[in-house]
Each structure stands twice: as structure tokens, then as C-alpha cells.
Protein backbone atom coordinates (compact mmCIF):
# COMPACT_ATOMS: atom_id res chain seq x y z
CA MET A 1 86.49 42.36 34.88
CA GLY A 2 83.85 41.08 37.21
CA ARG A 3 82.46 42.77 40.20
CA SER A 4 82.78 41.56 43.76
CA VAL A 5 79.90 41.61 46.19
CA ALA A 6 80.70 40.82 49.80
CA GLY A 7 83.96 39.27 48.85
CA GLN A 8 82.41 37.05 46.13
CA LYS A 9 83.48 37.31 42.56
CA ILE A 10 80.60 37.49 39.99
CA LYS A 11 81.24 36.40 36.42
CA PRO A 12 80.26 38.91 33.75
CA HIS A 13 77.09 38.15 31.63
CA LYS A 14 77.58 37.05 28.06
CA LYS A 15 76.06 39.25 25.46
CA ILE A 16 73.27 37.48 23.56
CA LYS A 17 72.33 38.62 20.14
CA GLU A 18 68.74 39.83 20.09
CA THR A 19 66.57 37.91 17.66
CA PRO A 20 62.95 38.50 16.75
CA GLU A 21 60.31 36.34 18.38
CA ASN A 22 59.73 32.87 16.87
CA GLU A 23 62.70 33.11 14.53
CA THR A 24 64.14 29.90 13.13
CA THR A 25 67.89 29.59 12.59
CA ASP A 26 69.96 26.83 11.05
CA GLU A 27 70.88 25.43 14.46
CA PHE A 28 67.77 25.60 16.62
CA TYR A 29 64.41 27.28 17.23
CA ILE A 30 64.78 30.46 19.32
CA CYS A 31 61.88 31.64 21.42
CA SER A 32 61.89 34.41 23.95
CA LYS A 33 59.79 32.35 26.40
CA PRO A 34 58.77 28.72 26.43
CA GLN A 35 55.02 28.64 25.71
CA ALA A 36 52.46 25.91 26.24
CA LYS A 37 50.61 24.44 23.29
CA PRO A 38 47.72 26.77 22.47
CA LYS A 39 44.16 25.40 22.42
CA ILE A 40 42.58 25.20 19.01
CA LYS A 41 39.35 27.15 18.92
CA ARG A 42 36.75 26.07 16.39
CA PRO A 43 35.36 28.97 14.42
CA LYS A 44 31.72 29.90 14.80
CA ALA A 45 29.58 29.84 11.68
CA ASP A 46 28.22 33.37 11.95
CA ASN A 47 30.30 35.93 13.90
CA SER A 48 33.88 34.60 14.25
CA THR A 49 36.37 36.65 12.26
CA SER A 50 39.62 34.82 13.10
CA VAL A 51 40.83 31.31 13.90
CA ALA A 52 43.69 30.39 16.23
CA SER A 53 46.30 28.35 14.39
CA PRO A 54 48.38 25.61 16.05
CA THR A 55 51.39 27.96 16.15
CA GLY A 56 49.46 30.54 18.14
CA VAL A 57 49.20 33.03 15.28
CA HIS A 58 45.69 34.17 14.39
CA SER A 59 44.63 33.99 10.78
CA LYS A 60 41.63 35.47 9.00
CA ASN A 61 38.54 33.28 8.79
CA THR A 62 37.04 32.44 5.45
CA SER A 63 33.48 33.00 6.77
CA ARG A 64 31.60 36.20 5.96
CA LYS A 65 32.07 39.14 8.33
CA ARG A 66 29.04 40.75 9.86
CA THR A 67 28.04 44.14 8.63
CA LYS A 68 27.38 47.12 10.88
CA THR A 69 23.60 46.77 10.48
CA GLU A 70 23.72 43.08 11.49
CA LEU A 71 25.79 43.87 14.56
CA ALA A 72 23.41 46.69 15.50
CA ASN A 73 20.23 44.54 15.07
CA PRO A 74 21.12 40.90 15.96
CA ASP A 75 17.45 39.86 16.36
CA GLN A 76 16.56 41.02 12.86
CA HIS A 77 19.56 39.13 11.46
CA PHE A 78 18.46 35.94 13.26
CA HIS A 79 14.93 36.14 11.79
CA LYS A 80 16.30 36.66 8.27
CA LYS A 81 18.51 33.62 8.68
CA GLN A 82 15.57 31.46 9.80
CA GLN A 83 13.56 32.61 6.76
CA LEU A 84 16.41 31.58 4.46
CA ILE A 85 16.58 28.14 6.07
CA THR A 86 12.85 27.53 5.71
CA SER A 87 12.84 28.77 2.10
CA ASN A 88 15.69 26.43 1.18
CA GLN A 89 13.95 23.37 2.60
CA ARG A 90 12.88 20.88 -0.06
CA THR A 91 9.25 19.99 -0.56
CA PRO A 92 8.41 16.33 0.14
CA ASP A 93 8.91 13.90 -2.71
CA VAL A 94 5.31 12.78 -2.27
CA CYS A 95 4.06 16.06 -3.75
CA GLU A 96 5.66 15.16 -7.08
CA GLY A 97 3.08 12.42 -7.64
CA ARG A 98 5.68 9.71 -8.32
CA THR A 99 5.40 7.81 -5.01
CA LEU A 100 2.76 5.11 -4.53
CA PHE A 101 1.49 3.65 -1.26
CA ILE A 102 0.93 -0.12 -1.41
CA ARG A 103 -1.27 -2.05 1.03
CA ASN A 104 -2.05 -5.73 1.57
CA VAL A 105 1.60 -6.67 1.11
CA SER A 106 2.56 -10.14 2.32
CA PHE A 107 4.50 -10.16 5.60
CA ASP A 108 7.02 -12.58 4.07
CA ALA A 109 7.80 -10.30 1.14
CA ASP A 110 11.15 -8.56 0.87
CA GLU A 111 12.10 -5.31 -0.86
CA HIS A 112 14.12 -7.01 -3.61
CA ARG A 113 11.21 -9.16 -4.81
CA LEU A 114 8.77 -6.25 -4.55
CA GLN A 115 11.11 -4.04 -6.59
CA GLU A 116 11.35 -6.71 -9.29
CA PHE A 117 7.54 -6.87 -9.40
CA PHE A 118 7.05 -3.11 -9.89
CA SER A 119 10.02 -2.68 -12.23
CA ALA A 120 7.85 -4.25 -14.94
CA PHE A 121 5.70 -1.08 -14.91
CA GLY A 122 8.55 1.45 -15.18
CA GLN A 123 11.93 2.53 -13.85
CA LEU A 124 12.03 2.82 -10.07
CA GLU A 125 14.04 4.97 -7.69
CA PHE A 126 13.37 2.87 -4.59
CA VAL A 127 10.98 0.43 -2.92
CA LYS A 128 10.65 0.55 0.87
CA ILE A 129 8.67 -1.82 3.09
CA VAL A 130 7.20 -0.16 6.20
CA LYS A 131 8.25 -1.81 9.48
CA ASP A 132 7.19 -1.32 13.07
CA LYS A 133 9.55 0.91 15.03
CA VAL A 134 9.58 -1.32 18.11
CA THR A 135 9.35 -4.89 16.79
CA GLN A 136 10.92 -4.25 13.35
CA HIS A 137 8.29 -6.53 11.81
CA PRO A 138 6.63 -5.60 8.47
CA ARG A 139 3.30 -3.81 8.76
CA GLY A 140 1.92 -5.05 5.43
CA THR A 141 2.48 -1.75 3.59
CA ALA A 142 5.20 -0.35 1.34
CA PHE A 143 6.22 2.67 -0.75
CA ALA A 144 7.38 2.62 -4.39
CA LYS A 145 8.77 5.69 -6.14
CA PHE A 146 8.99 5.83 -9.94
CA VAL A 147 11.37 7.93 -11.98
CA ARG A 148 8.59 9.18 -14.28
CA LYS A 149 5.22 10.47 -13.09
CA GLU A 150 3.52 8.94 -16.13
CA ASP A 151 4.46 5.43 -14.98
CA ALA A 152 2.95 6.02 -11.53
CA ASP A 153 -0.26 7.38 -13.05
CA ARG A 154 -0.51 4.39 -15.37
CA VAL A 155 -0.12 1.96 -12.46
CA LEU A 156 -2.88 3.77 -10.54
CA LEU A 157 -5.22 3.61 -13.53
CA ASP A 158 -4.47 -0.02 -14.44
CA SER A 159 -4.86 -1.23 -10.86
CA SER A 160 -8.45 0.07 -10.80
CA LYS A 161 -9.46 -1.94 -13.89
CA MET A 162 -11.36 -5.16 -13.30
CA GLU A 163 -9.45 -7.14 -15.93
CA ASN A 164 -6.06 -6.41 -14.30
CA PHE A 165 -6.65 -8.09 -10.93
CA THR A 166 -4.31 -10.99 -11.67
CA ARG A 167 -1.68 -8.55 -12.91
CA PHE A 168 -1.47 -6.79 -9.52
CA THR A 169 -1.37 -9.95 -7.40
CA PHE A 170 1.88 -10.38 -5.47
CA ALA A 171 2.68 -13.43 -3.30
CA GLY A 172 -0.92 -14.59 -3.46
CA ARG A 173 -2.35 -11.24 -2.35
CA ARG A 174 -4.16 -8.55 -4.29
CA LEU A 175 -2.23 -5.28 -3.87
CA VAL A 176 -4.24 -2.16 -3.02
CA ILE A 177 -2.36 0.74 -4.64
CA SER A 178 -2.95 4.41 -3.95
CA LEU A 179 -1.06 7.67 -4.24
CA ALA A 180 1.16 8.45 -1.25
CA VAL A 181 0.08 11.27 1.06
CA PRO A 182 2.43 14.02 2.31
CA PRO A 183 3.38 13.69 6.00
CA GLY A 184 1.53 16.88 6.91
CA ASP A 185 -1.78 15.61 5.53
CA VAL A 186 -1.79 12.27 7.39
CA LYS A 187 -3.18 13.83 10.57
CA LYS A 188 -5.88 15.66 8.59
CA LEU A 189 -7.00 12.41 6.98
CA GLN A 190 -7.12 10.60 10.34
CA GLU A 191 -9.24 13.37 11.86
CA ALA A 192 -11.54 13.40 8.81
CA ARG A 193 -12.06 9.64 8.96
CA ALA A 194 -12.75 9.81 12.69
CA GLY A 195 -15.43 12.41 12.00
CA GLY A 196 -17.02 10.32 9.25
CA GLN A 197 -15.96 12.62 6.41
CA THR A 198 -14.30 11.78 3.11
CA VAL A 199 -11.61 14.44 2.72
CA GLU A 200 -8.67 14.14 0.37
CA PRO A 201 -5.32 15.92 0.87
CA GLU A 202 -4.48 18.97 -1.19
CA GLY A 203 -2.67 18.15 -4.41
CA ALA A 204 -3.26 14.40 -4.15
CA VAL A 205 -5.17 12.52 -6.83
CA SER A 206 -7.73 10.96 -4.48
CA GLY A 207 -5.38 8.39 -2.97
CA GLY A 208 -6.10 5.75 -5.62
CA ARG A 209 -9.81 5.53 -4.71
CA ASN A 210 -10.64 8.15 -7.36
CA LEU A 211 -12.72 10.23 -4.94
CA HIS A 212 -12.29 13.24 -7.20
CA LEU A 213 -14.86 11.58 -9.50
CA ALA A 214 -17.58 11.55 -6.82
CA ARG A 215 -18.91 15.03 -7.66
CA ILE A 216 -19.05 14.51 -11.42
CA GLY A 217 -22.68 14.25 -12.51
CA MET A 218 -24.06 15.66 -9.25
CA ILE A 219 -26.97 18.08 -9.66
CA ARG A 220 -28.16 19.94 -6.57
CA ALA A 221 -31.53 21.55 -6.07
CA GLY A 222 -31.59 25.27 -6.76
CA THR A 223 -28.95 25.19 -9.51
CA ALA A 224 -29.48 25.91 -13.19
CA ALA A 225 -29.01 22.23 -14.09
CA ALA A 226 -31.89 21.26 -11.77
CA GLU A 227 -34.46 23.25 -13.75
CA GLY A 228 -37.13 20.99 -15.17
CA LEU A 229 -36.56 18.17 -12.70
CA THR A 230 -39.61 16.77 -10.92
CA PRO A 231 -39.67 16.67 -7.10
CA GLN A 232 -39.37 12.87 -7.28
CA GLU A 233 -36.20 13.10 -9.39
CA VAL A 234 -34.68 15.71 -7.06
CA ALA A 235 -35.41 13.50 -4.04
CA MET A 236 -33.93 10.47 -5.86
CA ARG A 237 -30.70 12.34 -6.59
CA GLU A 238 -30.40 13.50 -2.98
CA SER A 239 -30.95 9.98 -1.58
CA LEU A 240 -28.38 8.54 -4.00
CA MET A 241 -25.86 11.17 -2.94
CA ARG A 242 -26.38 10.36 0.75
CA ALA A 243 -26.00 6.65 0.06
CA LYS A 244 -22.79 7.31 -1.88
CA GLN A 245 -21.37 9.43 0.93
CA ALA A 246 -22.09 6.64 3.45
CA LYS A 247 -20.53 3.95 1.26
CA LEU A 248 -17.36 5.93 0.62
CA ARG A 249 -16.59 5.95 4.34
CA ASP A 250 -15.58 2.31 3.91
CA PRO A 251 -11.93 2.22 2.72
CA THR A 252 -12.61 -0.90 0.63
CA ILE A 253 -15.03 1.05 -1.62
CA PHE A 254 -13.54 2.95 -4.55
CA ILE A 255 -14.87 4.72 -7.65
CA SER A 256 -14.20 3.06 -10.97
CA PRO A 257 -12.97 5.54 -13.61
CA LEU A 258 -14.09 3.24 -16.45
CA ARG A 259 -17.53 1.99 -15.36
CA LEU A 260 -20.71 4.07 -15.38
CA CYS A 261 -23.91 3.49 -13.43
CA LEU A 262 -27.07 4.67 -15.22
CA ARG A 263 -30.26 5.08 -13.17
CA ASN A 264 -33.77 6.25 -13.98
CA ILE A 265 -33.57 5.03 -17.58
CA PRO A 266 -36.68 3.92 -19.54
CA THR A 267 -37.70 0.31 -18.95
CA THR A 268 -38.18 -0.22 -22.70
CA VAL A 269 -34.45 0.19 -23.44
CA ASP A 270 -32.53 -3.06 -23.98
CA ASP A 271 -28.80 -3.87 -23.98
CA LYS A 272 -28.26 -3.36 -27.72
CA THR A 273 -30.02 0.01 -27.80
CA LEU A 274 -28.05 1.28 -24.82
CA LYS A 275 -24.73 0.10 -26.25
CA LYS A 276 -25.37 1.77 -29.62
CA ALA A 277 -26.31 5.03 -27.91
CA CYS A 278 -23.14 5.01 -25.77
CA LEU A 279 -20.89 4.24 -28.75
CA ARG A 280 -22.52 7.04 -30.74
CA LEU A 281 -21.80 9.51 -27.91
CA ALA A 282 -18.24 8.31 -27.22
CA GLY A 283 -17.10 8.20 -30.84
CA PRO A 284 -16.03 5.54 -33.33
CA ALA A 285 -12.70 4.84 -31.59
CA ALA A 286 -14.38 3.98 -28.26
CA ARG A 287 -14.67 0.39 -27.05
CA VAL A 288 -17.40 -0.81 -24.68
CA THR A 289 -16.30 -3.76 -22.51
CA GLU A 290 -19.61 -4.18 -20.63
CA CYS A 291 -23.21 -3.10 -21.20
CA ARG A 292 -25.78 -4.72 -18.96
CA ILE A 293 -29.29 -3.69 -17.94
CA MET A 294 -30.34 -5.10 -14.58
CA ARG A 295 -33.58 -7.10 -14.69
CA ASP A 296 -35.92 -8.74 -12.19
CA LEU A 297 -34.72 -12.35 -12.31
CA LYS A 298 -36.72 -13.38 -9.24
CA SER A 299 -39.96 -13.21 -11.21
CA GLY A 300 -39.00 -16.35 -13.14
CA LYS A 301 -40.27 -15.02 -16.47
CA LEU A 302 -38.55 -15.67 -19.79
CA ASN A 303 -38.29 -11.94 -20.50
CA PRO A 304 -37.85 -10.34 -17.05
CA LYS A 305 -38.75 -6.70 -16.62
CA SER A 306 -36.04 -4.03 -16.51
CA LEU A 307 -35.32 -2.51 -13.12
CA GLY A 308 -34.53 0.92 -14.61
CA TYR A 309 -30.75 0.99 -14.10
CA ALA A 310 -27.72 -0.36 -15.97
CA PHE A 311 -23.91 -0.53 -16.02
CA VAL A 312 -21.68 0.44 -18.94
CA ALA A 313 -17.88 0.00 -18.88
CA PHE A 314 -15.35 1.48 -21.32
CA ASP A 315 -11.73 0.77 -22.14
CA GLU A 316 -10.68 4.43 -21.71
CA HIS A 317 -11.57 6.96 -19.03
CA LYS A 318 -12.05 9.80 -21.50
CA ASP A 319 -14.81 7.86 -23.29
CA ALA A 320 -16.66 7.18 -20.05
CA LEU A 321 -16.37 10.83 -19.01
CA LYS A 322 -17.71 12.03 -22.35
CA VAL A 323 -20.76 9.74 -22.18
CA LEU A 324 -21.47 10.84 -18.61
CA GLN A 325 -21.38 14.53 -19.47
CA VAL A 326 -23.73 14.15 -22.45
CA LEU A 327 -26.16 11.49 -21.22
CA ASN A 328 -26.63 12.76 -17.64
CA ASN A 329 -29.96 14.58 -17.16
CA ASN A 330 -30.68 14.29 -20.92
CA SER A 331 -33.93 12.56 -21.85
CA ALA A 332 -33.59 13.10 -25.61
CA ILE A 333 -31.01 10.34 -26.21
CA LEU A 334 -32.75 7.24 -24.79
CA GLY A 335 -36.28 8.59 -25.31
CA GLY A 336 -39.14 8.84 -22.88
CA SER A 337 -39.77 11.43 -20.20
CA ARG A 338 -37.22 10.13 -17.68
CA ARG A 339 -33.97 12.00 -17.17
CA PRO A 340 -31.10 9.55 -16.60
CA ILE A 341 -28.89 9.83 -13.52
CA VAL A 342 -25.38 8.94 -14.67
CA GLU A 343 -22.35 8.71 -12.38
CA PHE A 344 -19.19 6.68 -12.00
CA SER A 345 -19.86 3.30 -10.41
CA LEU A 346 -18.82 2.38 -6.87
CA GLU A 347 -16.83 -0.86 -6.59
CA ASN A 348 -16.01 -3.08 -3.62
CA SER A 349 -12.43 -4.35 -3.67
CA ARG A 350 -13.28 -7.38 -1.51
CA ALA A 351 -16.14 -8.48 -3.75
CA LEU A 352 -13.96 -8.09 -6.83
CA GLU A 353 -11.24 -10.18 -5.19
CA LYS A 354 -13.75 -12.98 -4.51
CA LYS A 355 -14.92 -12.77 -8.10
CA ARG A 356 -11.37 -13.06 -9.34
CA ARG A 357 -10.75 -16.16 -7.22
CA ARG A 358 -13.92 -17.82 -8.51
CA ALA A 359 -12.85 -17.09 -12.07
CA GLU A 360 -9.43 -18.66 -11.43
CA LYS A 361 -11.00 -21.81 -9.95
CA SER A 362 -13.40 -22.20 -12.86
CA LYS A 363 -10.55 -21.73 -15.31
CA VAL A 364 -8.50 -24.46 -13.60
CA ALA A 365 -11.52 -26.79 -13.68
CA GLN A 366 -12.05 -26.14 -17.40
CA ASP A 367 -8.40 -26.85 -18.15
CA VAL A 368 -8.61 -30.15 -16.28
CA GLU A 369 -11.77 -31.16 -18.15
CA GLN A 370 -10.20 -30.36 -21.52
CA ALA A 371 -7.05 -32.32 -20.67
CA GLY A 372 -9.08 -35.52 -20.05
CA PRO A 373 -9.93 -37.91 -17.18
CA SER A 374 -6.28 -38.88 -16.62
CA ALA A 375 -5.39 -35.27 -15.81
CA ALA A 376 -8.37 -35.07 -13.46
CA LYS A 377 -7.15 -38.16 -11.59
CA LYS A 378 -3.66 -36.71 -11.37
CA SER A 379 -5.02 -33.44 -10.00
CA LYS A 380 -6.93 -35.36 -7.32
CA LEU A 381 -3.85 -37.34 -6.41
CA LEU A 382 -1.80 -34.17 -6.07
CA LEU A 383 -4.22 -32.70 -3.55
CA PRO A 384 -3.10 -33.23 0.07
CA ARG A 385 -5.28 -35.65 2.00
CA ALA A 386 -5.72 -35.70 5.74
CA LYS A 387 -4.67 -38.93 7.43
CA LYS A 388 -7.50 -40.81 9.13
CA VAL A 389 -6.77 -42.18 12.57
CA LYS A 390 -9.03 -44.94 13.82
CA GLY A 391 -10.98 -44.26 16.95
CA LEU A 392 -10.37 -40.53 17.04
CA ALA A 393 -13.66 -39.60 15.45
CA LYS A 394 -15.88 -41.61 17.82
CA SER A 395 -13.88 -41.35 21.05
CA LYS A 396 -14.77 -38.65 23.52
CA PRO A 397 -12.36 -36.99 25.93
CA ARG A 398 -12.25 -38.67 29.35
CA ILE A 399 -12.25 -36.00 32.02
CA LEU A 400 -13.18 -37.81 35.29
CA PRO A 401 -14.03 -41.47 36.05
CA LYS A 402 -17.68 -42.46 36.31
CA LYS A 403 -17.18 -44.38 39.62
CA LEU A 404 -15.09 -43.07 42.47
CA GLY A 405 -13.31 -45.10 45.18
CA ALA A 406 -10.68 -47.85 45.10
CA LYS A 407 -9.71 -49.28 41.76
CA ILE A 408 -10.74 -52.98 41.44
CA ARG A 409 -8.65 -54.81 38.87
CA HIS A 410 -9.21 -58.25 37.29
CA ASN A 411 -12.83 -58.36 38.34
CA ARG A 412 -13.75 -60.58 35.40
CA PRO A 413 -13.63 -64.39 36.08
CA LYS A 414 -11.15 -66.36 34.02
CA VAL A 415 -12.60 -68.94 31.59
CA ILE A 416 -10.98 -72.36 32.11
CA GLY A 417 -11.08 -74.58 29.09
CA LYS A 418 -9.31 -75.75 25.98
CA LYS A 419 -7.91 -73.20 23.71
CA LYS A 420 -9.40 -73.03 20.29
CA SER A 421 -7.16 -74.60 17.70
CA LYS A 422 -6.16 -72.41 14.87
CA PRO A 423 -7.11 -73.62 11.39
CA ALA A 424 -4.32 -75.20 9.47
CA GLY A 425 -2.69 -73.01 6.97
CA ASN A 426 -2.47 -73.63 3.28
CA SER A 427 1.29 -73.78 3.28
CA ARG A 428 3.23 -76.67 1.70
CA SER A 429 4.51 -77.92 5.08
CA ALA A 430 0.97 -78.32 6.41
CA LYS A 431 -0.02 -80.39 3.36
CA ARG A 432 2.99 -82.67 3.77
CA GLN A 433 2.15 -83.29 7.42
CA ALA A 434 -1.43 -84.20 6.49
CA LYS A 435 -0.22 -86.75 3.89
CA ALA A 436 2.18 -88.34 6.39
CA ARG A 437 -0.62 -88.83 8.93
CA ARG A 438 -2.86 -90.48 6.39
CA SER A 439 -0.16 -92.93 5.36
């Protein structure tokens, strides 16, 4: 029975069966207290040990728990973590020696055409044209990365050969190819060039200019190799080294790995003698592509005198290196008392480009001459001609009138008289009229 309070009857409470919290029955979901949706907390990567689930129940995190030593020394744990991150960082791809830096690229070129051009030399990973960050216009440079390092080395070597200039011409421009430099060494190179030095980055193969060959053949005073040299020869070597250092500051100058420059050789040596000596030193498999002794052509004599220096080019770098090592500072091979100064020749890329263009023009002219006069006429007709406009060549620009004041028009007196009769034409109608008048 219910109780009564102040004359009011209170109904008895119904007994509710106690159920555990968050229990699900067949009829409905029973909860002791309506709860708001809990906020999902994202776990931290280092020290969070549990994650709040959508149902409000915490579950264990899959991340690693901190040890007692890490919790006691958090600074030491942070430094260890930073060391692991830096040790796991990859080295730049440039250090692998498979990425080439290409200059003098046409501004109209696209990456697809450039990739097709370099795919003839080996399998590529990518080709990327460098663009300005602000204007997004090409800067005339690009990067090409090969799959194999051997292909990149072969492209570097072939691009330095004189006979391969047409092979490395893309969109009418001669490509200047060098080995790519790591990002950390770019600033060092810029500072070195600003100071007038010729410094190459560590681990790079001389950036395509073959500057690692500059010291080969150098003999300094006070060394064991300088014993027996006269003061004049020592001074000559020092002056040549200074001149080489000054020339190599120009980025268009590079060292040819196939061509040797021989100085201080006897004046009695001719081209055949020098070529035989070089082939004997290089071996029977070697091939000499050029052997030329420079002579005084200004004298006008039939047999001009030798100037004491020459150029010898080989087909392989190993043959040129072998001849340099044996013939340099060795007077027993060519005879005489002079000790030859042998080093790799310096080449100017601009001069070689002009030479290549002259050779192409002469070849086109020879082809036209061999084809006959009709082909020559056709080639002249195909050339674009400028249209001549009468009066433009003699006329001068009129800036201000010669006489100032009011303009007086029709100041010339009119001539009063008969008009001149035009001569009769030779047409059939004119002849008929003449016959009618006569009759």
C-alpha cells in the first residue's frame, strides 16, 4: 500500500531489475545515464598508451610504450630520435653519378622530346626541364637521370669528343652536358667562382669539363720529377700553369680527355715521326685521329719552321693517358736535349661550335655542286628573298618642314594649251578606222 503525505496518496515505486552498465538486451539498449558522444582523441606517436574509442571505452594503443629510462630522461630520448631520423635520410640521387645537367637547351623544347633524344643513349628514369619559380618559363637547363651509371659516363665522354658535335645537337643548339652537382655543393661552387678559383665538388667527376685532368703532367719546382730541369724549363712550366688556371675560369673552356698538347719538342721532328712515336708508346691497338705540328705559316716559305709544339688526338682516353705519362719530361723518345711538356689540351666550346657550323655549310655546298647546276638553282630559289619596296631606300624620314608659316597650295601656274594626243594603238579597230578615213 502507498504512503500518504499531507493527505496525498503516493504510488509505490516499481522495482527495476538491475543490469550492468552498457548492456544490450533483445528489446532496447539500457544505460544507467544518458551520455554525450565522446570526443575522439588522436593518439600521439611517442607517449600515448591508449586511444579513446567511439563507444567511450579505452583500448590499448599499438604504438610502443616508453621504458622507465626514457621517461626518466626525456631529453636523451629526443636526441636519440633525431639521430635516427638523420641516419635514415637518403643521400641525394646526384651522388650516384647517374644524373646529368644539360645546358643550352632551347626554350621551346619540352620534356617529352628531350627524353626521346636522350633515350637513344640508354634507359632513362626521368628528364626534367628547369623552370623559373615565379614566371614558370624555362631557364634553358635540364636534368636527365639514367638507370645505369655506365650510360651517363659514356654520354659525358662522347659529348667531349670533337667528332660528336652533330650528335649532341638538339633543336638547333649544341647541348653542354656535365655531371649534376649535389645541392649542398652549389653554394661552394658559386663562392669559388666568385673568388676566381676552380674548385670541383667532392665526389663529382669534374662537372663534365674534365677538370680532374688539369693536374696530370704537372711538375713543380722542388719535387723529385723536377730534377735535371733547366731554370728556363721550370719557368716555362710555371707560366703555362698560370695561363691554364686563368683560362679555366671561363666556363666555356674544358679539358679534352682525348687530345694532348705537346710543348718544348725539338724543331726537327715532323708529323710522321711524332705519330710513329705516339703509336709505339700507346700500343698496336691505339688509333691516332690527329697529329699536327704547328708551323710558322706567316713566313711564306714552302717548308715553314716548326714552332716547337704540336697536338695529338686519340680515339681512346687510356691511350692518350699512357702517352702523356711516358712522353712527359722524357727527352729520350723524340731525341735532342729538350724535355717535352705534355698535358691534356684545353678546348673552347664556342670555337668548336663555330667550326662545326662551317663544316656543315661546306658540306651542303659540296652536295649542291655534286648534284649539278639545276640543284644549285633550286637551292637559290628556295632561299627566302626580301621584298624590295621602291623609294624606301632613298627616302629620308621627314621630321619637320623646311619652311614655317602658312601653307600655300597651288602655287604653280597652270599651263593652258592643247593636250598631247596619244599615239594610236596597234589594235585592229584602229587600223580599220585608218582605212575608212583614207577611202
